[in-house]
PDB file of N, CA and C in Angstrom:
ATOM      1  N   MET A   1     -26.290  64.223   9.799  1.00  0.00           N
ATOM      2  CA  MET A   1     -26.557  63.556   9.109  1.00  0.00           C
ATOM      3  C   MET A   1     -25.008  63.274   7.826  1.00  0.00           C
ATOM      4  N   VAL A   2     -24.140  64.267   7.789  1.00  0.00           N
ATOM      5  CA  VAL A   2     -22.984  63.754   6.926  1.00  0.00           C
ATOM      6  C   VAL A   2     -21.968  62.905   7.746  1.00  0.00           C
ATOM      7  N   ALA A   3     -22.014  63.207   9.140  1.00  0.00           N
ATOM      8  CA  ALA A   3     -21.257  62.027  10.022  1.00  0.00           C
ATOM      9  C   ALA A   3     -21.755  60.681   9.818  1.00  0.00           C
ATOM     10  N   VAL A   4     -23.299  60.543   9.673  1.00  0.00           N
ATOM     11  CA  VAL A   4     -23.792  59.101   9.624  1.00  0.00           C
ATOM     12  C   VAL A   4     -23.394  58.737   8.386  1.00  0.00           C
ATOM     13  N   ALA A   5     -23.345  59.629   7.001  1.00  0.00           N
ATOM     14  CA  ALA A   5     -23.144  58.665   5.800  1.00  0.00           C
ATOM     15  C   ALA A   5     -21.811  58.478   5.668  1.00  0.00           C
ATOM     16  N   ILE A   6     -21.153  58.772   6.495  1.00  0.00           N
ATOM     17  CA  ILE A   6     -19.412  58.695   6.593  1.00  0.00           C
ATOM     18  C   ILE A   6     -19.198  57.270   7.048  1.00  0.00           C
ATOM     19  N   LEU A   7     -19.384  57.347   8.180  1.00  0.00           N
ATOM     20  CA  LEU A   7     -19.320  56.080   9.251  1.00  0.00           C
ATOM     21  C   LEU A   7     -20.118  54.762   8.255  1.00  0.00           C
ATOM     22  N   SER A   8     -21.503  55.229   7.781  1.00  0.00           N
ATOM     23  CA  SER A   8     -22.310  54.439   6.999  1.00  0.00           C
ATOM     24  C   SER A   8     -21.176  53.577   5.889  1.00  0.00           C
ATOM     25  N   LEU A   9     -20.299  54.478   4.996  1.00  0.00           N
ATOM     26  CA  LEU A   9     -19.687  54.613   4.159  1.00  0.00           C
ATOM     27  C   LEU A   9     -18.383  53.558   4.500  1.00  0.00           C
ATOM     28  N   GLY A  10     -18.064  54.060   5.769  1.00  0.00           N
ATOM     29  CA  GLY A  10     -16.286  53.494   6.282  1.00  0.00           C
ATOM     30  C   GLY A  10     -16.944  51.677   6.703  1.00  0.00           C
ATOM     31  N   VAL A  11     -18.108  51.392   7.112  1.00  0.00           N
ATOM     32  CA  VAL A  11     -18.517  50.137   7.854  1.00  0.00           C
ATOM     33  C   VAL A  11     -18.796  49.461   6.465  1.00  0.00           C
ATOM     34  N   VAL A  12     -19.397  50.277   5.353  1.00  0.00           N
ATOM     35  CA  VAL A  12     -19.517  48.873   4.405  1.00  0.00           C
ATOM     36  C   VAL A  12     -18.050  48.774   3.561  1.00  0.00           C
ATOM     37  N   LEU A  13     -17.235  49.385   3.613  1.00  0.00           N
ATOM     38  CA  LEU A  13     -15.483  49.473   2.897  1.00  0.00           C
ATOM     39  C   LEU A  13     -14.904  48.339   3.714  1.00  0.00           C
ATOM     40  N   ILE A  14     -15.171  48.483   5.419  1.00  0.00           N
ATOM     41  CA  ILE A  14     -14.531  47.410   5.994  1.00  0.00           C
ATOM     42  C   ILE A  14     -14.912  45.904   6.120  1.00  0.00           C
ATOM     43  N   TYR A  15     -16.417  45.875   6.002  1.00  0.00           N
ATOM     44  CA  TYR A  15     -17.228  44.921   5.570  1.00  0.00           C
ATOM     45  C   TYR A  15     -16.554  44.087   4.253  1.00  0.00           C
ATOM     46  N   ARG A  16     -16.518  45.049   2.833  1.00  0.00           N
ATOM     47  CA  ARG A  16     -16.206  44.448   1.988  1.00  0.00           C
ATOM     48  C   ARG A  16     -14.625  43.784   1.920  1.00  0.00           C
ATOM     49  N   THR A  17     -13.880  44.723   3.074  1.00  0.00           N
ATOM     50  CA  THR A  17     -12.838  44.397   2.423  1.00  0.00           C
ATOM     51  C   THR A  17     -12.532  42.970   3.591  1.00  0.00           C
ATOM     52  N   PHE A  18     -13.148  42.941   4.495  1.00  0.00           N
ATOM     53  CA  PHE A  18     -13.381  41.706   5.463  1.00  0.00           C
ATOM     54  C   PHE A  18     -13.855  40.236   4.452  1.00  0.00           C
ATOM     55  N   LEU A  19     -14.519  40.205   3.446  1.00  0.00           N
ATOM     56  CA  LEU A  19     -15.281  39.556   2.726  1.00  0.00           C
ATOM     57  C   LEU A  19     -14.192  39.109   1.474  1.00  0.00           C
ATOM     58  N   THR A  20     -13.766  40.044   1.056  1.00  0.00           N
ATOM     59  CA  THR A  20     -12.079  39.508   0.431  1.00  0.00           C
ATOM     60  C   THR A  20     -11.791  38.971   0.977  1.00  0.00           C
ATOM     61  N   SER A  21     -10.824  39.313   1.818  1.00  0.00           N
ATOM     62  CA  SER A  21      -9.919  38.714   2.919  1.00  0.00           C
ATOM     63  C   SER A  21     -10.462  37.426   2.754  1.00  0.00           C
ATOM     64  N   LEU A  22     -11.806  37.180   3.354  1.00  0.00           N
ATOM     65  CA  LEU A  22     -12.005  35.620   3.502  1.00  0.00           C
ATOM     66  C   LEU A  22     -11.691  34.916   2.267  1.00  0.00           C
ATOM     67  N   ALA A  23     -12.049  35.267   1.196  1.00  0.00           N
ATOM     68  CA  ALA A  23     -12.286  34.475   0.199  1.00  0.00           C
ATOM     69  C   ALA A  23     -10.981  34.407  -0.594  1.00  0.00           C
ATOM     70  N   THR A  24     -10.256  35.355  -0.418  1.00  0.00           N
ATOM     71  CA  THR A  24      -8.770  34.886  -0.310  1.00  0.00           C
ATOM     72  C   THR A  24      -8.013  33.581   0.535  1.00  0.00           C
ATOM     73  N   PHE A  25      -8.492  33.683   1.829  1.00  0.00           N
ATOM     74  CA  PHE A  25      -7.533  32.871   2.977  1.00  0.00           C
ATOM     75  C   PHE A  25      -8.349  31.608   2.146  1.00  0.00           C
ATOM     76  N   LYS A  26      -9.471  31.231   1.945  1.00  0.00           N
ATOM     77  CA  LYS A  26     -10.523  30.391   1.633  1.00  0.00           C
ATOM     78  C   LYS A  26      -9.693  29.370   0.238  1.00  0.00           C
ATOM     79  N   TYR A  27      -9.502  30.556  -0.503  1.00  0.00           N
ATOM     80  CA  TYR A  27      -8.930  30.063  -1.824  1.00  0.00           C
ATOM     81  C   TYR A  27      -7.935  29.934  -2.090  1.00  0.00           C
ATOM     82  N   TYR A  28      -6.829  30.288  -0.966  1.00  0.00           N
ATOM     83  CA  TYR A  28      -5.435  29.359  -0.915  1.00  0.00           C
ATOM     84  C   TYR A  28      -5.355  28.369   0.128  1.00  0.00           C
ATOM     85  N   SER A  29      -6.343  28.658   1.247  1.00  0.00           N
ATOM     86  CA  SER A  29      -6.044  27.269   2.017  1.00  0.00           C
ATOM     87  C   SER A  29      -6.251  26.168   0.741  1.00  0.00           C
ATOM     88  N   THR A  30      -7.234  25.688   0.121  1.00  0.00           N
ATOM     89  CA  THR A  30      -7.718  24.788  -0.769  1.00  0.00           C
ATOM     90  C   THR A  30      -6.972  24.597  -1.805  1.00  0.00           C
ATOM     91  N   ASN A  31      -5.666  25.673  -2.142  1.00  0.00           N
ATOM     92  CA  ASN A  31      -4.346  25.529  -3.198  1.00  0.00           C
ATOM     93  C   ASN A  31      -3.817  24.950  -2.349  1.00  0.00           C
ATOM     94  N   LEU A  32      -3.201  25.280  -1.436  1.00  0.00           N
ATOM     95  CA  LEU A  32      -2.515  24.085  -0.069  1.00  0.00           C
ATOM     96  C   LEU A  32      -2.996  22.813  -0.258  1.00  0.00           C
ATOM     97  N   GLN A  33      -3.919  22.692   0.470  1.00  0.00           N
ATOM     98  CA  GLN A  33      -4.706  21.464   0.794  1.00  0.00           C
ATOM     99  C   GLN A  33      -4.598  20.589  -0.646  1.00  0.00           C
ATOM    100  N   ALA A  34      -4.801  21.126  -1.966  1.00  0.00           N
ATOM    101  CA  ALA A  34      -4.688  20.454  -2.978  1.00  0.00           C
ATOM    102  C   ALA A  34      -3.217  20.117  -3.720  1.00  0.00           C
ATOM    103  N   GLN A  35      -2.278  20.902  -3.207  1.00  0.00           N
ATOM    104  CA  GLN A  35      -1.080  20.789  -3.694  1.00  0.00           C
ATOM    105  C   GLN A  35      -0.602  19.709  -2.631  1.00  0.00           C
ATOM    106  N   CYS A  36      -0.660  19.413  -1.538  1.00  0.00           N
ATOM    107  CA  CYS A  36      -0.397  18.189  -0.836  1.00  0.00           C
ATOM    108  C   CYS A  36      -0.783  17.200  -1.069  1.00  0.00           C
ATOM    109  N   TRP A  37      -1.700  17.313  -1.600  1.00  0.00           N
ATOM    110  CA  TRP A  37      -2.762  16.065  -2.067  1.00  0.00           C
ATOM    111  C   TRP A  37      -2.094  15.624  -3.723  1.00  0.00           C
ATOM    112  N   MET A  38      -2.095  16.182  -3.713  1.00  0.00           N
ATOM    113  CA  MET A  38      -1.232  16.074  -5.471  1.00  0.00           C
ATOM    114  C   MET A  38       0.370  15.088  -5.281  1.00  0.00           C
ATOM    115  N   GLY A  39       0.861  15.561  -3.966  1.00  0.00           N
ATOM    116  CA  GLY A  39       2.312  15.355  -3.658  1.00  0.00           C
ATOM    117  C   GLY A  39       1.872  14.016  -3.275  1.00  0.00           C
ATOM    118  N   GLU A  40       0.794  13.608  -2.451  1.00  0.00           N
ATOM    119  CA  GLU A  40       1.117  12.108  -2.040  1.00  0.00           C
ATOM    120  C   GLU A  40       0.491  11.199  -3.645  1.00  0.00           C
ATOM    121  N   LYS A  41      -0.928  11.780  -4.206  1.00  0.00           N
ATOM    122  CA  LYS A  41      -0.823  11.436  -5.617  1.00  0.00           C
ATOM    123  C   LYS A  41       0.329  10.996  -6.451  1.00  0.00           C
ATOM    124  N   ILE A  42       0.963  11.440  -6.838  1.00  0.00           N
ATOM    125  CA  ILE A  42       2.442  11.393  -7.279  1.00  0.00           C
ATOM    126  C   ILE A  42       3.145  10.198  -6.980  1.00  0.00           C
ATOM    127  N   TRP A  43       3.439  10.639  -5.583  1.00  0.00           N
ATOM    128  CA  TRP A  43       4.426   9.790  -4.786  1.00  0.00           C
ATOM    129  C   TRP A  43       3.132   8.323  -5.217  1.00  0.00           C
ATOM    130  N   GLU A  44       2.339   7.806  -4.884  1.00  0.00           N
ATOM    131  CA  GLU A  44       1.809   6.676  -5.238  1.00  0.00           C
ATOM    132  C   GLU A  44       1.734   6.257  -6.236  1.00  0.00           C
ATOM    133  N   VAL A  45       1.742   6.819  -7.257  1.00  0.00           N
ATOM    134  CA  VAL A  45       1.699   6.460  -8.848  1.00  0.00           C
ATOM    135  C   VAL A  45       3.390   6.080  -9.503  1.00  0.00           C
ATOM    136  N   GLU A  46       4.651   6.764  -8.577  1.00  0.00           N
ATOM    137  CA  GLU A  46       5.748   6.552  -8.559  1.00  0.00           C
ATOM    138  C   GLU A  46       6.139   4.947  -8.176  1.00  0.00           C
ATOM    139  N   ASP A  47       5.833   4.995  -6.758  1.00  0.00           N
ATOM    140  CA  ASP A  47       5.493   3.584  -5.997  1.00  0.00           C
ATOM    141  C   ASP A  47       5.331   2.383  -6.773  1.00  0.00           C
ATOM    142  N   SER A  48       3.844   2.637  -7.676  1.00  0.00           N
ATOM    143  CA  SER A  48       3.414   1.278  -8.287  1.00  0.00           C
ATOM    144  C   SER A  48       4.549   1.067  -9.621  1.00  0.00           C
ATOM    145  N   LEU A  49       5.236   2.038 -10.290  1.00  0.00           N
ATOM    146  CA  LEU A  49       5.513   2.290 -11.105  1.00  0.00           C
ATOM    147  C   LEU A  49       7.319   1.246 -10.583  1.00  0.00           C
ATOM    148  N   LEU A  50       7.861   2.002  -9.677  1.00  0.00           N
ATOM    149  CA  LEU A  50       9.070   1.474  -9.129  1.00  0.00           C
ATOM    150  C   LEU A  50       9.140  -0.039  -8.761  1.00  0.00           C
ATOM    151  N   TYR A  51       8.313   0.044  -7.665  1.00  0.00           N
ATOM    152  CA  TYR A  51       8.361  -1.124  -7.047  1.00  0.00           C
ATOM    153  C   TYR A  51       7.300  -2.673  -7.439  1.00  0.00           C
ATOM    154  N   ARG A  52       6.173  -1.715  -8.006  1.00  0.00           N
ATOM    155  CA  ARG A  52       5.061  -3.233  -8.420  1.00  0.00           C
ATOM    156  C   ARG A  52       5.114  -3.591 -10.212  1.00  0.00           C
ATOM    157  N   LYS A  53       6.296  -2.207 -10.465  1.00  0.00           N
ATOM    158  CA  LYS A  53       6.556  -2.571 -12.151  1.00  0.00           C
ATOM    159  C   LYS A  53       5.298  -2.702 -12.748  1.00  0.00           C
ATOM    160  N   GLY A  54       4.506  -1.565 -13.087  1.00  0.00           N
ATOM    161  CA  GLY A  54       3.233  -1.139 -13.539  1.00  0.00           C
ATOM    162  C   GLY A  54       1.983  -0.731 -12.992  1.00  0.00           C
ATOM    163  N   LEU A  55       1.391   0.199 -13.700  1.00  0.00           N
ATOM    164  CA  LEU A  55       0.310   0.727 -13.131  1.00  0.00           C
ATOM    165  C   LEU A  55      -0.946   0.185 -12.299  1.00  0.00           C
ATOM    166  N   GLY A  56      -1.056  -0.803 -12.724  1.00  0.00           N
ATOM    167  CA  GLY A  56      -2.229  -1.908 -12.231  1.00  0.00           C
ATOM    168  C   GLY A  56      -3.576  -1.044 -12.879  1.00  0.00           C
ATOM    169  N   ALA A  57      -4.644  -1.312 -11.859  1.00  0.00           N
ATOM    170  CA  ALA A  57      -5.992  -0.916 -12.386  1.00  0.00           C
ATOM    171  C   ALA A  57      -6.342   0.079 -11.437  1.00  0.00           C
ATOM    172  N   GLY A  58      -5.018   0.824 -11.012  1.00  0.00           N
ATOM    173  CA  GLY A  58      -5.776   2.272 -10.459  1.00  0.00           C
ATOM    174  C   GLY A  58      -6.519   3.306 -10.847  1.00  0.00           C
ATOM    175  N   LYS A  59      -7.488   3.753 -10.294  1.00  0.00           N
ATOM    176  CA  LYS A  59      -8.198   5.136 -10.933  1.00  0.00           C
ATOM    177  C   LYS A  59      -7.628   6.330 -11.617  1.00  0.00           C
ATOM    178  N   ARG A  60      -7.680   6.664 -12.712  1.00  0.00           N
ATOM    179  CA  ARG A  60      -7.309   7.382 -13.254  1.00  0.00           C
ATOM    180  C   ARG A  60      -7.770   8.881 -13.307  1.00  0.00           C
ATOM    181  N   SER A  61      -8.875   8.942 -12.936  1.00  0.00           N
ATOM    182  CA  SER A  61      -9.649  10.064 -12.500  1.00  0.00           C
ATOM    183  C   SER A  61     -10.704  10.167 -10.939  1.00  0.00           C
ATOM    184  N   GLY A  62     -11.136  11.061 -10.463  1.00  0.00           N
ATOM    185  CA  GLY A  62     -12.350  11.108  -9.613  1.00  0.00           C
ATOM    186  C   GLY A  62     -12.637  12.295  -9.164  1.00  0.00           C
ATOM    187  N   ASN A  63     -13.308  11.928  -7.921  1.00  0.00           N
ATOM    188  CA  ASN A  63     -13.340  13.381  -7.072  1.00  0.00           C
ATOM    189  C   ASN A  63     -12.520  13.064  -5.425  1.00  0.00           C
ATOM    190  N   LEU A  64     -12.348  14.141  -5.213  1.00  0.00           N
ATOM    191  CA  LEU A  64     -12.075  14.205  -3.714  1.00  0.00           C
ATOM    192  C   LEU A  64     -12.726  15.131  -3.258  1.00  0.00           C
ATOM    193  N   PHE A  65     -12.797  15.521  -2.197  1.00  0.00           N
ATOM    194  CA  PHE A  65     -13.398  16.586  -0.730  1.00  0.00           C
ATOM    195  C   PHE A  65     -12.336  17.103  -0.077  1.00  0.00           C
ATOM    196  N   LEU A  66     -12.378  18.184  -0.195  1.00  0.00           N
ATOM    197  CA  LEU A  66     -11.534  19.381   0.876  1.00  0.00           C
ATOM    198  C   LEU A  66     -12.218  19.975   1.252  1.00  0.00           C
ATOM    199  N   GLY A  67     -12.238  19.859   2.686  1.00  0.00           N
ATOM    200  CA  GLY A  67     -13.394  20.597   3.577  1.00  0.00           C
ATOM    201  C   GLY A  67     -14.888  20.547   2.795  1.00  0.00           C
ATOM    202  N   ASN A  68     -15.510  21.611   2.536  1.00  0.00           N
ATOM    203  CA  ASN A  68     -16.726  20.874   1.979  1.00  0.00           C
ATOM    204  C   ASN A  68     -17.383  21.248   0.357  1.00  0.00           C
ATOM    205  N   ARG A  69     -15.613  21.152  -0.140  1.00  0.00           N
ATOM    206  CA  ARG A  69     -15.425  21.371  -1.776  1.00  0.00           C
ATOM    207  C   ARG A  69     -14.967  20.399  -2.440  1.00  0.00           C
ATOM    208  N   LYS A  70     -16.032  20.012  -3.612  1.00  0.00           N
ATOM    209  CA  LYS A  70     -15.835  18.910  -4.600  1.00  0.00           C
ATOM    210  C   LYS A  70     -14.759  19.334  -5.304  1.00  0.00           C
ATOM    211  N   ILE A  71     -13.498  18.555  -4.998  1.00  0.00           N
ATOM    212  CA  ILE A  71     -12.657  19.044  -6.509  1.00  0.00           C
ATOM    213  C   ILE A  71     -12.403  17.448  -7.372  1.00  0.00           C
ATOM    214  N   ALA A  72     -12.432  17.904  -8.546  1.00  0.00           N
ATOM    215  CA  ALA A  72     -12.226  16.504  -9.793  1.00  0.00           C
ATOM    216  C   ALA A  72     -10.774  16.757 -10.279  1.00  0.00           C
ATOM    217  N   TRP A  73     -10.115  15.437 -10.191  1.00  0.00           N
ATOM    218  CA  TRP A  73      -8.670  15.037 -10.770  1.00  0.00           C
ATOM    219  C   TRP A  73      -8.993  13.895 -11.818  1.00  0.00           C
ATOM    220  N   ARG A  74      -7.686  14.209 -12.467  1.00  0.00           N
ATOM    221  CA  ARG A  74      -7.287  13.218 -13.549  1.00  0.00           C
ATOM    222  C   ARG A  74      -5.584  13.495 -13.500  1.00  0.00           C
ATOM    223  N   ILE A  75      -5.583  11.635 -14.222  1.00  0.00           N
ATOM    224  CA  ILE A  75      -4.183  11.836 -14.268  1.00  0.00           C
ATOM    225  C   ILE A  75      -3.886  10.584 -15.279  1.00  0.00           C
ATOM    226  N   SER A  76      -2.630  11.155 -16.186  1.00  0.00           N
ATOM    227  CA  SER A  76      -1.947  10.813 -16.856  1.00  0.00           C
ATOM    228  C   SER A  76      -1.148  10.207 -16.707  1.00  0.00           C
ATOM    229  N   VAL A  77      -0.154   8.729 -17.042  1.00  0.00           N
ATOM    230  CA  VAL A  77       0.999   8.675 -17.022  1.00  0.00           C
ATOM    231  C   VAL A  77       1.181   7.988 -18.701  1.00  0.00           C
ATOM    232  N   ASP A  78       2.223   8.255 -19.133  1.00  0.00           N
ATOM    233  CA  ASP A  78       2.721   8.200 -20.617  1.00  0.00           C
ATOM    234  C   ASP A  78       4.393   7.249 -20.691  1.00  0.00           C
ATOM    235  N   SER A  79       4.489   6.690 -21.562  1.00  0.00           N
ATOM    236  CA  SER A  79       5.835   6.297 -21.581  1.00  0.00           C
ATOM    237  C   SER A  79       6.714   7.414 -22.084  1.00  0.00           C
ATOM    238  N   ILE A  80       7.552   7.594 -22.243  1.00  0.00           N
ATOM    239  CA  ILE A  80       8.270   8.477 -23.310  1.00  0.00           C
ATOM    240  C   ILE A  80       9.709   8.145 -23.763  1.00  0.00           C
ATOM    241  N   SER A  81      10.042   6.368 -23.865  1.00  0.00           N
ATOM    242  CA  SER A  81      11.311   6.461 -24.085  1.00  0.00           C
ATOM    243  C   SER A  81      10.802   4.424 -24.709  1.00  0.00           C
ATOM    244  N   PRO A  82      11.510   4.222 -25.646  1.00  0.00           N
ATOM    245  CA  PRO A  82      11.136   3.090 -26.300  1.00  0.00           C
ATOM    246  C   PRO A  82      11.061   2.034 -25.485  1.00  0.00           C
ATOM    247  N   THR A  83      11.596   1.573 -24.201  1.00  0.00           N
ATOM    248  CA  THR A  83      12.208   0.697 -23.276  1.00  0.00           C
ATOM    249  C   THR A  83      10.797   0.919 -22.329  1.00  0.00           C
ATOM    250  N   GLU A  84      10.039   2.094 -22.196  1.00  0.00           N
ATOM    251  CA  GLU A  84       9.701   1.699 -21.025  1.00  0.00           C
ATOM    252  C   GLU A  84      10.231   2.401 -19.854  1.00  0.00           C
ATOM    253  N   GLU A  85      11.415   2.741 -20.064  1.00  0.00           N
ATOM    254  CA  GLU A  85      12.003   3.160 -18.481  1.00  0.00           C
ATOM    255  C   GLU A  85      11.895   4.610 -17.847  1.00  0.00           C
ATOM    256  N   PHE A  86      11.444   5.438 -19.052  1.00  0.00           N
ATOM    257  CA  PHE A  86      11.256   6.783 -18.600  1.00  0.00           C
ATOM    258  C   PHE A  86       9.540   6.913 -18.863  1.00  0.00           C
ATOM    259  N   TYR A  87       8.807   7.648 -17.727  1.00  0.00           N
ATOM    260  CA  TYR A  87       7.401   7.985 -17.739  1.00  0.00           C
ATOM    261  C   TYR A  87       7.226   9.661 -17.749  1.00  0.00           C
ATOM    262  N   GLN A  88       6.113  10.037 -18.300  1.00  0.00           N
ATOM    263  CA  GLN A  88       5.471  11.407 -17.700  1.00  0.00           C
ATOM    264  C   GLN A  88       4.184  11.388 -16.944  1.00  0.00           C
ATOM    265  N   LEU A  89       4.293  11.830 -16.170  1.00  0.00           N
ATOM    266  CA  LEU A  89       2.974  12.047 -15.374  1.00  0.00           C
ATOM    267  C   LEU A  89       2.655  13.203 -15.427  1.00  0.00           C
ATOM    268  N   ASP A  90       1.320  12.717 -15.619  1.00  0.00           N
ATOM    269  CA  ASP A  90       0.385  14.624 -15.326  1.00  0.00           C
ATOM    270  C   ASP A  90      -0.492  14.703 -15.064  1.00  0.00           C
ATOM    271  N   LEU A  91      -0.789  15.415 -13.321  1.00  0.00           N
ATOM    272  CA  LEU A  91      -2.098  15.216 -12.464  1.00  0.00           C
ATOM    273  C   LEU A  91      -2.651  16.720 -12.670  1.00  0.00           C
ATOM    274  N   THR A  92      -3.959  16.736 -12.792  1.00  0.00           N
ATOM    275  CA  THR A  92      -4.699  17.948 -12.938  1.00  0.00           C
ATOM    276  C   THR A  92      -6.255  17.940 -11.731  1.00  0.00           C
ATOM    277  N   LEU A  93      -5.840  19.081 -11.137  1.00  0.00           N
ATOM    278  CA  LEU A  93      -7.370  19.295 -10.193  1.00  0.00           C
ATOM    279  C   LEU A  93      -7.992  20.413 -10.502  1.00  0.00           C
ATOM    280  N   PHE A  94      -9.008  20.320 -10.612  1.00  0.00           N
ATOM    281  CA  PHE A  94     -10.231  21.493 -10.791  1.00  0.00           C
ATOM    282  C   PHE A  94     -11.696  21.511 -10.429  1.00  0.00           C
ATOM    283  N   TRP A  95     -11.456  22.612  -9.880  1.00  0.00           N
ATOM    284  CA  TRP A  95     -13.148  22.790  -9.248  1.00  0.00           C
ATOM    285  C   TRP A  95     -13.668  24.566  -9.299  1.00  0.00           C
ATOM    286  N   GLN A  96     -14.954  24.525  -9.055  1.00  0.00           N
ATOM    287  CA  GLN A  96     -15.517  25.674  -9.301  1.00  0.00           C
ATOM    288  C   GLN A  96     -15.137  26.729  -8.172  1.00  0.00           C
ATOM    289  N   GLU A  97     -14.677  28.123  -8.656  1.00  0.00           N
ATOM    290  CA  GLU A  97     -14.804  28.538  -7.135  1.00  0.00           C
ATOM    291  C   GLU A  97     -15.481  29.925  -8.004  1.00  0.00           C
ATOM    292  N   ASN A  98     -16.712  30.538  -6.973  1.00  0.00           N
ATOM    293  CA  ASN A  98     -17.712  31.200  -7.174  1.00  0.00           C
ATOM    294  C   ASN A  98     -17.731  31.353  -8.714  1.00  0.00           C
ATOM    295  N   ASN A  99     -17.477  31.797  -9.669  1.00  0.00           N
ATOM    296  CA  ASN A  99     -18.103  32.180 -10.967  1.00  0.00           C
ATOM    297  C   ASN A  99     -16.801  31.653 -12.025  1.00  0.00           C
ATOM    298  N   ARG A 100     -15.944  31.134 -11.725  1.00  0.00           N
ATOM    299  CA  ARG A 100     -14.452  30.447 -12.660  1.00  0.00           C
ATOM    300  C   ARG A 100     -14.248  29.280 -12.201  1.00  0.00           C
ATOM    301  N   ARG A 101     -13.611  28.828 -13.413  1.00  0.00           N
ATOM    302  CA  ARG A 101     -12.932  27.391 -12.402  1.00  0.00           C
ATOM    303  C   ARG A 101     -11.569  27.676 -12.511  1.00  0.00           C
ATOM    304  N   ILE A 102     -10.995  27.131 -11.589  1.00  0.00           N
ATOM    305  CA  ILE A 102      -9.596  26.872 -11.307  1.00  0.00           C
ATOM    306  C   ILE A 102      -9.263  25.625 -11.184  1.00  0.00           C
ATOM    307  N   THR A 103      -7.977  25.917 -12.179  1.00  0.00           N
ATOM    308  CA  THR A 103      -7.305  24.685 -12.181  1.00  0.00           C
ATOM    309  C   THR A 103      -5.702  24.522 -12.181  1.00  0.00           C
ATOM    310  N   ILE A 104      -5.270  23.219 -11.447  1.00  0.00           N
ATOM    311  CA  ILE A 104      -4.212  22.891 -10.894  1.00  0.00           C
ATOM    312  C   ILE A 104      -3.567  22.120 -11.769  1.00  0.00           C
ATOM    313  N   SER A 105      -2.282  22.162 -12.159  1.00  0.00           N
ATOM    314  CA  SER A 105      -1.841  21.334 -12.847  1.00  0.00           C
ATOM    315  C   SER A 105       0.101  20.347 -12.556  1.00  0.00           C
ATOM    316  N   ARG A 106       0.242  19.218 -12.499  1.00  0.00           N
ATOM    317  CA  ARG A 106       1.709  19.242 -12.317  1.00  0.00           C
ATOM    318  C   ARG A 106       1.980  18.142 -13.159  1.00  0.00           C
ATOM    319  N   THR A 107       3.366  18.436 -13.654  1.00  0.00           N
ATOM    320  CA  THR A 107       3.745  17.182 -14.356  1.00  0.00           C
ATOM    321  C   THR A 107       5.470  17.081 -13.981  1.00  0.00           C
ATOM    322  N   THR A 108       5.243  15.452 -14.063  1.00  0.00           N
ATOM    323  CA  THR A 108       6.819  14.927 -13.406  1.00  0.00           C
ATOM    324  C   THR A 108       7.416  13.895 -13.985  1.00  0.00           C
ATOM    325  N   TYR A 109       8.571  13.872 -14.233  1.00  0.00           N
ATOM    326  CA  TYR A 109       9.373  12.576 -15.155  1.00  0.00           C
ATOM    327  C   TYR A 109       9.411  11.780 -14.052  1.00  0.00           C
ATOM    328  N   ILE A 110       9.170  10.137 -14.198  1.00  0.00           N
ATOM    329  CA  ILE A 110       9.721   9.034 -13.403  1.00  0.00           C
ATOM    330  C   ILE A 110      10.526   8.410 -14.221  1.00  0.00           C
ATOM    331  N   GLY A 111      11.499   7.719 -13.778  1.00  0.00           N
ATOM    332  CA  GLY A 111      12.304   7.210 -14.226  1.00  0.00           C
ATOM    333  C   GLY A 111      12.777   5.423 -13.088  1.00  0.00           C
ATOM    334  N   ILE A 112      12.921   4.450 -14.311  1.00  0.00           N
ATOM    335  CA  ILE A 112      12.784   3.288 -13.742  1.00  0.00           C
ATOM    336  C   ILE A 112      13.919   2.241 -13.721  1.00  0.00           C
TER     337      ILE A 112
END
């Protein structure tokens, strides 16, 4: 009976460790995909500022799906010089992970 109790405790610990590592992998996988998407979005805004001389009517917020996770995003572009040669771009992504809200923010500066 002691052997069965020790064995069952070992199985529970292994199972719990496996689930924890699986959740960690899922978190970092989503984070890496989100970082790649943010780089593309920043490049898109920079391209519109440099070559089209303005932001146009592009979307400033929305949702995207990475895997089966719904991620909301918001972007703001503000001029930081009187001649509108320098801009500050803030991009934020946020989603729910279990019982907590995950937020990733990136700020960059663009000179035209």
